[in-house]
Structures are given as C-alpha cells and as structure tokens.
C-alpha atoms as a PDB file:
ATOM      1  CA  UNK A   1     -43.103  54.933  14.108  1.00  0.00           C
ATOM      2  CA  UNK A   2     -39.387  55.288  14.733  1.00  0.00           C
ATOM      3  CA  UNK A   3     -37.311  55.625  11.608  1.00  0.00           C
ATOM      4  CA  UNK A   4     -33.952  53.892  11.507  1.00  0.00           C
ATOM      5  CA  UNK A   5     -30.874  55.640  10.334  1.00  0.00           C
ATOM      6  CA  UNK A   6     -29.884  54.582   6.774  1.00  0.00           C
ATOM      7  CA  UNK A   7     -26.515  53.363   8.052  1.00  0.00           C
ATOM      8  CA  UNK A   8     -28.270  50.933  10.429  1.00  0.00           C
ATOM      9  CA  UNK A   9     -30.361  49.420   7.626  1.00  0.00           C
ATOM     10  CA  UNK A  10     -27.422  48.853   5.338  1.00  0.00           C
ATOM     11  CA  UNK A  11     -26.347  45.217   5.114  1.00  0.00           C
ATOM     12  CA  UNK A  12     -22.759  44.406   5.890  1.00  0.00           C
ATOM     13  CA  UNK A  13     -20.624  43.579   2.844  1.00  0.00           C
ATOM     14  CA  UNK A  14     -19.945  39.865   2.399  1.00  0.00           C
ATOM     15  CA  UNK A  15     -16.202  40.318   2.785  1.00  0.00           C
ATOM     16  CA  UNK A  16     -16.338  42.304   5.980  1.00  0.00           C
ATOM     17  CA  UNK A  17     -14.030  41.395   8.838  1.00  0.00           C
ATOM     18  CA  UNK A  18     -16.987  40.783  11.141  1.00  0.00           C
ATOM     19  CA  UNK A  19     -18.636  38.222   8.861  1.00  0.00           C
ATOM     20  CA  UNK A  20     -15.335  36.479   8.208  1.00  0.00           C
ATOM     21  CA  UNK A  21     -14.731  35.960  11.920  1.00  0.00           C
ATOM     22  CA  UNK A  22     -18.308  34.763  12.378  1.00  0.00           C
ATOM     23  CA  UNK A  23     -17.899  32.186   9.593  1.00  0.00           C
ATOM     24  CA  UNK A  24     -14.658  30.953  11.172  1.00  0.00           C
ATOM     25  CA  UNK A  25     -16.405  30.473  14.486  1.00  0.00           C
ATOM     26  CA  UNK A  26     -19.230  28.517  12.844  1.00  0.00           C
ATOM     27  CA  UNK A  27     -16.789  26.270  10.964  1.00  0.00           C
ATOM     28  CA  UNK A  28     -14.798  25.671  14.137  1.00  0.00           C
ATOM     29  CA  UNK A  29     -17.953  24.655  16.005  1.00  0.00           C
ATOM     30  CA  UNK A  30     -18.957  22.234  13.244  1.00  0.00           C
ATOM     31  CA  UNK A  31     -15.458  20.752  13.133  1.00  0.00           C
ATOM     32  CA  UNK A  32     -15.424  20.169  16.860  1.00  0.00           C
ATOM     33  CA  UNK A  33     -18.853  18.569  16.805  1.00  0.00           C
ATOM     34  CA  UNK A  34     -17.874  16.234  13.949  1.00  0.00           C
ATOM     35  CA  UNK A  35     -14.542  15.115  15.371  1.00  0.00           C
ATOM     36  CA  UNK A  36     -15.385  15.147  19.036  1.00  0.00           C
ATOM     37  CA  UNK A  37     -12.871  17.700  20.242  1.00  0.00           C
ATOM     38  CA  UNK A  38     -15.683  19.839  21.636  1.00  0.00           C
ATOM     39  CA  UNK A  39     -18.835  17.795  22.341  1.00  0.00           C
ATOM     40  CA  UNK A  40     -22.170  19.490  22.593  1.00  0.00           C
ATOM     41  CA  UNK A  41     -23.680  20.273  26.014  1.00  0.00           C
ATOM     42  CA  UNK A  42     -25.927  17.244  25.800  1.00  0.00           C
ATOM     43  CA  UNK A  43     -22.900  14.975  25.446  1.00  0.00           C
ATOM     44  CA  UNK A  44     -21.549  13.388  28.621  1.00  0.00           C
ATOM     45  CA  UNK A  45     -17.943  12.833  27.467  1.00  0.00           C
ATOM     46  CA  UNK A  46     -15.201  14.160  29.716  1.00  0.00           C
ATOM     47  CA  UNK A  47     -13.239  17.111  28.451  1.00  0.00           C
ATOM     48  CA  UNK A  48     -10.041  18.765  29.480  1.00  0.00           C
ATOM     49  CA  UNK A  49      -9.067  22.364  28.969  1.00  0.00           C
ATOM     50  CA  UNK A  50      -9.271  23.266  25.280  1.00  0.00           C
ATOM     51  CA  UNK A  51     -12.012  20.738  24.518  1.00  0.00           C
ATOM     52  CA  UNK A  52      -9.863  17.614  24.013  1.00  0.00           C
ATOM     53  CA  UNK A  53     -10.658  14.243  25.531  1.00  0.00           C
ATOM     54  CA  UNK A  54      -8.661  12.892  28.442  1.00  0.00           C
ATOM     55  CA  UNK A  55      -6.307  10.307  26.991  1.00  0.00           C
ATOM     56  CA  UNK A  56      -6.043   8.261  30.195  1.00  0.00           C
ATOM     57  CA  UNK A  57      -9.811   7.856  30.469  1.00  0.00           C
ATOM     58  CA  UNK A  58     -10.040   6.848  26.820  1.00  0.00           C
ATOM     59  CA  UNK A  59      -7.452   4.119  27.397  1.00  0.00           C
ATOM     60  CA  UNK A  60      -9.336   2.901  30.466  1.00  0.00           C
ATOM     61  CA  UNK A  61     -12.524   2.727  28.417  1.00  0.00           C
ATOM     62  CA  UNK A  62     -10.827   0.538  25.800  1.00  0.00           C
ATOM     63  CA  UNK A  63      -9.366  -1.747  28.478  1.00  0.00           C
ATOM     64  CA  UNK A  64     -12.750  -2.232  30.152  1.00  0.00           C
ATOM     65  CA  UNK A  65     -14.549  -3.394  27.013  1.00  0.00           C
ATOM     66  CA  UNK A  66     -16.350  -6.662  27.685  1.00  0.00           C
ATOM     67  CA  UNK A  67     -15.629  -8.287  24.285  1.00  0.00           C
ATOM     68  CA  UNK A  68     -12.259  -7.076  22.985  1.00  0.00           C
ATOM     69  CA  UNK A  69     -11.290  -8.236  19.481  1.00  0.00           C
ATOM     70  CA  UNK A  70      -8.553 -10.869  19.491  1.00  0.00           C
ATOM     71  CA  UNK A  71      -5.815 -10.868  16.821  1.00  0.00           C
ATOM     72  CA  UNK A  72      -6.174 -13.520  14.159  1.00  0.00           C
ATOM     73  CA  UNK A  73      -3.655 -16.345  14.333  1.00  0.00           C
ATOM     74  CA  UNK A  74      -2.283 -17.411  10.941  1.00  0.00           C
ATOM     75  CA  UNK A  75      -0.364 -20.664  10.606  1.00  0.00           C
ATOM     76  CA  UNK A  76       2.582 -20.366   8.224  1.00  0.00           C
ATOM     77  CA  UNK A  77       4.825 -23.191   7.070  1.00  0.00           C
ATOM     78  CA  UNK A  78       8.217 -21.554   7.543  1.00  0.00           C
ATOM     79  CA  UNK A  79      10.023 -24.426   5.802  1.00  0.00           C
ATOM     80  CA  UNK A  80       8.398 -23.542   2.494  1.00  0.00           C
ATOM     81  CA  UNK A  81       8.747 -19.775   2.482  1.00  0.00           C
ATOM     82  CA  UNK A  82      11.259 -17.654   4.372  1.00  0.00           C
ATOM     83  CA  UNK A  83      10.393 -14.084   5.340  1.00  0.00           C
ATOM     84  CA  UNK A  84      11.514 -11.389   2.950  1.00  0.00           C
ATOM     85  CA  UNK A  85      10.954  -7.654   2.581  1.00  0.00           C
ATOM     86  CA  UNK A  86      10.775  -5.602   0.441  1.00  0.00           C
ATOM     87  CA  UNK A  87       9.307  -7.370  -2.578  1.00  0.00           C
ATOM     88  CA  UNK A  88       8.689  -4.575  -5.097  1.00  0.00           C
ATOM     89  CA  UNK A  89      11.311  -4.593  -7.833  1.00  0.00           C
ATOM     90  CA  UNK A  90      11.769  -0.849  -7.509  1.00  0.00           C
ATOM     91  CA  UNK A  91      12.504  -1.248  -3.777  1.00  0.00           C
ATOM     92  CA  UNK A  92      14.582  -4.411  -3.428  1.00  0.00           C
ATOM     93  CA  UNK A  93      18.343  -3.864  -3.068  1.00  0.00           C
ATOM     94  CA  UNK A  94      20.580  -5.034  -5.880  1.00  0.00           C
ATOM     95  CA  UNK A  95      22.722  -6.933  -3.375  1.00  0.00           C
ATOM     96  CA  UNK A  96      20.997  -8.828  -0.571  1.00  0.00           C
ATOM     97  CA  UNK A  97      21.663 -12.003   1.433  1.00  0.00           C
ATOM     98  CA  UNK A  98      18.274 -13.465   0.513  1.00  0.00           C
ATOM     99  CA  UNK A  99      19.236 -13.396  -3.169  1.00  0.00           C
ATOM    100  CA  UNK A 100      22.321 -15.597  -2.701  1.00  0.00           C
ATOM    101  CA  UNK A 101      21.789 -18.981  -4.404  1.00  0.00           C
ATOM    102  CA  UNK A 102      18.096 -18.161  -4.568  1.00  0.00           C
ATOM    103  CA  UNK A 103      15.376 -19.301  -6.907  1.00  0.00           C
ATOM    104  CA  UNK A 104      13.797 -15.992  -7.882  1.00  0.00           C
ATOM    105  CA  UNK A 105      10.126 -15.573  -8.710  1.00  0.00           C
ATOM    106  CA  UNK A 106       9.366 -12.434 -10.697  1.00  0.00           C
ATOM    107  CA  UNK A 107       5.592 -12.049 -10.608  1.00  0.00           C
ATOM    108  CA  UNK A 108       3.141  -9.465 -11.839  1.00  0.00           C
ATOM    109  CA  UNK A 109       1.384  -7.422  -9.170  1.00  0.00           C
ATOM    110  CA  UNK A 110      -1.958  -8.972 -10.146  1.00  0.00           C
ATOM    111  CA  UNK A 111      -0.732 -12.576 -10.114  1.00  0.00           C
ATOM    112  CA  UNK A 112      -1.225 -13.390  -6.408  1.00  0.00           C
ATOM    113  CA  UNK A 113      -4.815 -12.142  -6.635  1.00  0.00           C
ATOM    114  CA  UNK A 114      -5.741 -13.730  -9.963  1.00  0.00           C
ATOM    115  CA  UNK A 115      -4.234 -17.140  -9.164  1.00  0.00           C
ATOM    116  CA  UNK A 116      -6.001 -18.811  -6.251  1.00  0.00           C
ATOM    117  CA  UNK A 117      -3.196 -21.182  -5.211  1.00  0.00           C
ATOM    118  CA  UNK A 118      -0.355 -18.781  -6.013  1.00  0.00           C
ATOM    119  CA  UNK A 119       1.602 -19.579  -2.851  1.00  0.00           C
ATOM    120  CA  UNK A 120       1.476 -23.349  -3.292  1.00  0.00           C
ATOM    121  CA  UNK A 121       2.014 -23.515  -7.039  1.00  0.00           C
ATOM    122  CA  UNK A 122       4.617 -20.801  -7.609  1.00  0.00           C
ATOM    123  CA  UNK A 123       5.879 -19.080  -4.490  1.00  0.00           C
ATOM    124  CA  UNK A 124       7.046 -21.835  -2.140  1.00  0.00           C
ATOM    125  CA  UNK A 125      10.818 -21.951  -1.694  1.00  0.00           C
ATOM    126  CA  UNK A 126      11.453 -18.894  -3.881  1.00  0.00           C
ATOM    127  CA  UNK A 127      12.497 -15.313  -3.331  1.00  0.00           C
ATOM    128  CA  UNK A 128       9.687 -13.151  -4.620  1.00  0.00           C
ATOM    129  CA  UNK A 129       9.954  -9.912  -6.581  1.00  0.00           C
ATOM    130  CA  UNK A 130       6.839  -8.240  -7.970  1.00  0.00           C
ATOM    131  CA  UNK A 131       6.276  -5.468 -10.461  1.00  0.00           C
ATOM    132  CA  UNK A 132       3.947  -4.049 -13.104  1.00  0.00           C
ATOM    133  CA  UNK A 133       5.465  -3.125 -16.470  1.00  0.00           C
ATOM    134  CA  UNK A 134       2.274  -1.290 -17.451  1.00  0.00           C
ATOM    135  CA  UNK A 135       2.741   1.413 -14.825  1.00  0.00           C
ATOM    136  CA  UNK A 136       6.541   1.224 -14.486  1.00  0.00           C
ATOM    137  CA  UNK A 137       9.333   1.411 -17.046  1.00  0.00           C
ATOM    138  CA  UNK A 138      10.264  -2.060 -18.344  1.00  0.00           C
ATOM    139  CA  UNK A 139      13.706  -0.744 -19.330  1.00  0.00           C
ATOM    140  CA  UNK A 140      14.327   0.323 -15.735  1.00  0.00           C
ATOM    141  CA  UNK A 141      13.231  -3.172 -14.681  1.00  0.00           C
ATOM    142  CA  UNK A 142      15.800  -4.685 -17.030  1.00  0.00           C
ATOM    143  CA  UNK A 143      18.588  -2.503 -15.636  1.00  0.00           C
ATOM    144  CA  UNK A 144      17.660  -3.348 -12.039  1.00  0.00           C
ATOM    145  CA  UNK A 145      17.445  -7.078 -12.732  1.00  0.00           C
ATOM    146  CA  UNK A 146      20.788  -6.983 -14.562  1.00  0.00           C
ATOM    147  CA  UNK A 147      22.444  -5.523 -11.446  1.00  0.00           C
ATOM    148  CA  UNK A 148      20.776  -8.165  -9.269  1.00  0.00           C
ATOM    149  CA  UNK A 149      22.024 -10.921 -11.572  1.00  0.00           C
ATOM    150  CA  UNK A 150      25.555  -9.468 -11.567  1.00  0.00           C
ATOM    151  CA  UNK A 151      25.868  -9.007  -7.809  1.00  0.00           C
ATOM    152  CA  UNK A 152      24.197 -12.229  -6.650  1.00  0.00           C
ATOM    153  CA  UNK A 153      24.308 -15.894  -7.530  1.00  0.00           C
ATOM    154  CA  UNK A 154      20.765 -16.466  -8.729  1.00  0.00           C
ATOM    155  CA  UNK A 155      20.067 -20.172  -9.224  1.00  0.00           C
ATOM    156  CA  UNK A 156      16.944 -19.818 -11.381  1.00  0.00           C
ATOM    157  CA  UNK A 157      14.289 -17.316 -12.424  1.00  0.00           C
ATOM    158  CA  UNK A 158      10.563 -17.990 -12.713  1.00  0.00           C
ATOM    159  CA  UNK A 159       8.440 -15.365 -14.451  1.00  0.00           C
ATOM    160  CA  UNK A 160       4.698 -15.312 -13.773  1.00  0.00           C
ATOM    161  CA  UNK A 161       2.707 -12.734 -15.698  1.00  0.00           C
ATOM    162  CA  UNK A 162      -0.896 -12.186 -16.724  1.00  0.00           C
ATOM    163  CA  UNK A 163      -2.098 -13.014 -20.206  1.00  0.00           C
ATOM    164  CA  UNK A 164      -2.649  -9.367 -21.177  1.00  0.00           C
ATOM    165  CA  UNK A 165      -0.011  -8.043 -23.626  1.00  0.00           C
ATOM    166  CA  UNK A 166       1.338  -5.291 -21.376  1.00  0.00           C
ATOM    167  CA  UNK A 167       2.272  -7.829 -18.704  1.00  0.00           C
ATOM    168  CA  UNK A 168       4.654  -9.740 -20.979  1.00  0.00           C
ATOM    169  CA  UNK A 169       7.101  -6.882 -20.409  1.00  0.00           C
ATOM    170  CA  UNK A 170       8.295  -8.818 -17.369  1.00  0.00           C
ATOM    171  CA  UNK A 171       9.664 -11.606 -19.560  1.00  0.00           C
ATOM    172  CA  UNK A 172      11.262  -9.053 -21.879  1.00  0.00           C
ATOM    173  CA  UNK A 173      12.923  -7.386 -18.870  1.00  0.00           C
ATOM    174  CA  UNK A 174      14.379 -10.724 -17.719  1.00  0.00           C
ATOM    175  CA  UNK A 175      15.718 -11.540 -21.199  1.00  0.00           C
ATOM    176  CA  UNK A 176      17.274  -8.076 -21.492  1.00  0.00           C
ATOM    177  CA  UNK A 177      18.762  -8.329 -17.991  1.00  0.00           C
ATOM    178  CA  UNK A 178      20.405 -11.659 -18.831  1.00  0.00           C
ATOM    179  CA  UNK A 179      21.857 -10.081 -21.944  1.00  0.00           C
ATOM    180  CA  UNK A 180      23.201  -7.071 -20.020  1.00  0.00           C
ATOM    181  CA  UNK A 181      24.608  -9.128 -17.157  1.00  0.00           C
ATOM    182  CA  UNK A 182      26.146 -11.838 -19.300  1.00  0.00           C
ATOM    183  CA  UNK A 183      24.791 -14.491 -16.942  1.00  0.00           C
ATOM    184  CA  UNK A 184      23.347 -17.844 -17.990  1.00  0.00           C
ATOM    185  CA  UNK A 185      20.405 -18.483 -15.659  1.00  0.00           C
ATOM    186  CA  UNK A 186      17.615 -20.975 -16.371  1.00  0.00           C
ATOM    187  CA  UNK A 187      14.260 -19.260 -16.817  1.00  0.00           C
ATOM    188  CA  UNK A 188      10.720 -20.615 -16.612  1.00  0.00           C
ATOM    189  CA  UNK A 189       7.717 -18.620 -17.808  1.00  0.00           C
ATOM    190  CA  UNK A 190       4.110 -18.990 -16.658  1.00  0.00           C
ATOM    191  CA  UNK A 191       1.070 -17.197 -17.969  1.00  0.00           C
ATOM    192  CA  UNK A 192      -1.922 -16.637 -15.699  1.00  0.00           C
ATOM    193  CA  UNK A 193      -5.266 -16.400 -17.432  1.00  0.00           C
ATOM    194  CA  UNK A 194      -7.921 -13.891 -16.447  1.00  0.00           C
ATOM    195  CA  UNK A 195     -10.107 -16.766 -15.332  1.00  0.00           C
ATOM    196  CA  UNK A 196      -7.451 -17.971 -12.874  1.00  0.00           C
ATOM    197  CA  UNK A 197      -5.823 -20.779 -14.874  1.00  0.00           C
ATOM    198  CA  UNK A 198      -2.052 -21.050 -15.208  1.00  0.00           C
ATOM    199  CA  UNK A 199      -0.114 -22.225 -18.278  1.00  0.00           C
ATOM    200  CA  UNK A 200       3.600 -22.870 -18.618  1.00  0.00           C
ATOM    201  CA  UNK A 201       4.997 -21.341 -21.799  1.00  0.00           C
END
C-alpha cells in the first residue's frame, strides 16, 4: 500500500488563503442564486455578460402581462382640505404661505389612526401639524410654534392629543408658545380616548 507523505495528509489551516478564496466563491454563488444575478443552469432566464438580466427584456415582460394592476382612484373633496406638505412639526417652515390666516390643527401622531373620522371631525379646512412629545422635546416644540405664531397670522389653534399623560405635552407646548410669542390666539383642545372616542376639554 502506498504511503502518503505527511505534508499531503496535513489539513489546511482554517485561515489559509486558499480556503478564504473558496469561501468567497461559495458565498458569491449563493448570492447570485438568491438575487437572480446568476441563475442556475436549469433556469431559462436571459443573461448578459456578467450574469445580469437584460433590462429591455424585463421591461417587455412587464408590459406584456395579461392582468396589470391598475392604480387606485381616490376621490378627495378639495374644498374641505387643501394640499399641504410637510406636516411634521420638526419639518414645517416657520414662515409659509399656507399658515397665513390659517386655522391650525396640532395633532398627535397617533390621532389620525385612533380616531376613525379624524378627517371629517377635526381636519377639514385646517392646516395640519403633527408631532409626538413623548419621542421629541416638548420645549423644542414650544420654540418652533412660537416662531410660527410670530411670523404668521394664525387665526385659531386646535390641539388634538391622546388621553395618555405624555401626549398632553402638545397643549403645554401651545400654551408656552403663546406666552413666548405674545400672541392672543383662540385655542380648542380635544382629547382622543384609546377606544376611539373624542372629548372636548
């Protein structure tokens, strides 16, 4: 029986250059199989050089689908609510045309989800600003609102917050902003219950 040289029987160390390259090749093959950049031989997809799909043929395939999905048409009453963006208090500018002579609605982030008829009962005809005093700084909210009140003619402010204690920071921010700005603006406050009811405070 032929005896092998001891060097031939020795296993390669795990960190050898040869094994590292082999592992890279295996990972590359798996990646290409998962994401389709290099289909297996049994796959009939067209490939270009480098293993990527032909973009033109992919577009033709999408165009030739028998039942393409149609976009959903949503009817919006534009007389009740005018388009506005952004709406997050941290993102809205302190001076904006949509704030001039506007009825502002400052609502908690959760309010439109918790209140079923949020748009009809609170939002119609108002300029909406949303925020969450639990995850943001209520003092920064007060400073931002104070600048908005100073630089725009706000007709009224409606505050809609959840019944949880942390959410009442919105009303505190409005009161502090009025104090800092020196403006006299009528304010309404609504509390939205966890069960979806709304109460004017």
